[in-house]
Protein backbone atom coordinates (compact mmCIF):
# COMPACT_ATOMS: atom_id res chain seq x y z
CA UNK A 1 50.34 54.67 14.25
CA UNK A 2 51.18 53.90 10.64
CA UNK A 3 52.78 50.57 11.60
CA UNK A 4 49.59 49.52 13.36
CA UNK A 5 47.51 50.33 10.30
CA UNK A 6 49.79 48.31 8.01
CA UNK A 7 49.60 45.35 10.40
CA UNK A 8 45.80 45.61 10.39
CA UNK A 9 45.78 45.80 6.59
CA UNK A 10 48.03 42.74 6.43
CA UNK A 11 45.64 40.84 8.67
CA UNK A 12 42.70 41.83 6.51
CA UNK A 13 44.63 40.75 3.40
CA UNK A 14 45.13 37.30 4.91
CA UNK A 15 41.35 36.84 5.12
CA UNK A 16 41.66 36.02 1.43
CA UNK A 17 43.47 32.82 2.41
CA UNK A 18 40.28 31.40 3.93
CA UNK A 19 38.71 30.75 0.52
CA UNK A 20 41.58 28.68 -0.87
CA UNK A 21 41.71 26.67 2.35
CA UNK A 22 38.04 25.79 2.09
CA UNK A 23 38.40 25.13 -1.64
CA UNK A 24 41.32 22.76 -1.11
CA UNK A 25 39.35 20.79 1.45
CA UNK A 26 36.27 20.51 -0.73
CA UNK A 27 38.31 19.64 -3.82
CA UNK A 28 40.28 16.95 -2.03
CA UNK A 29 37.15 15.38 -0.56
CA UNK A 30 35.40 15.32 -3.95
CA UNK A 31 38.46 13.79 -5.63
CA UNK A 32 38.63 11.05 -3.00
CA UNK A 33 34.88 10.49 -3.35
CA UNK A 34 35.24 10.14 -7.11
CA UNK A 35 38.11 7.68 -6.71
CA UNK A 36 36.09 5.69 -4.20
CA UNK A 37 33.23 5.37 -6.66
CA UNK A 38 35.35 4.64 -9.72
CA UNK A 39 38.95 3.56 -8.95
CA UNK A 40 39.76 3.05 -12.63
CA UNK A 41 39.36 6.77 -13.27
CA UNK A 42 42.41 7.69 -11.19
CA UNK A 43 44.45 8.59 -14.27
CA UNK A 44 41.74 10.89 -15.60
CA UNK A 45 41.19 12.58 -12.23
CA UNK A 46 44.83 13.03 -11.17
CA UNK A 47 46.05 15.69 -13.64
CA UNK A 48 43.06 18.07 -13.36
CA UNK A 49 43.11 17.62 -9.57
CA UNK A 50 46.80 18.56 -9.28
CA UNK A 51 46.30 21.53 -11.63
CA UNK A 52 43.32 22.79 -9.63
CA UNK A 53 45.21 22.25 -6.38
CA UNK A 54 48.14 24.33 -7.64
CA UNK A 55 45.95 27.17 -8.89
CA UNK A 56 43.96 27.26 -5.66
CA UNK A 57 47.12 27.26 -3.55
CA UNK A 58 48.52 30.12 -5.64
CA UNK A 59 45.68 32.38 -4.49
CA UNK A 60 46.60 31.76 -0.86
CA UNK A 61 50.25 32.47 -1.62
CA UNK A 62 49.29 35.76 -3.31
CA UNK A 63 47.44 36.79 -0.15
CA UNK A 64 50.52 35.96 1.91
CA UNK A 65 52.78 37.97 -0.40
CA UNK A 66 50.46 40.98 -0.29
CA UNK A 67 50.30 40.87 3.50
CA UNK A 68 54.10 40.61 3.77
CA UNK A 69 54.49 43.57 1.44
CA UNK A 70 52.06 45.55 3.59
CA UNK A 71 53.99 44.69 6.76
CA UNK A 72 57.54 45.30 5.56
CA UNK A 73 57.10 48.03 2.92
CA UNK A 74 54.15 49.84 4.48
CA UNK A 75 55.65 50.71 7.83
């Protein structure tokens, strides 16, 4: 019974990965839109875009780590 509960908790923890996925899609589309409107601004857009991409992806990785901890250490 306890293994089933930890698997359920791990699944619920992975719901937190939905937000970063949506955020990455929106951020990428806005960056491409900005580059389409002003191609000369690619140098000014690139560094903040990569930084935001990394920070957003880190949230999804934290959700994965928490769910793996719940699966392997909880049961």
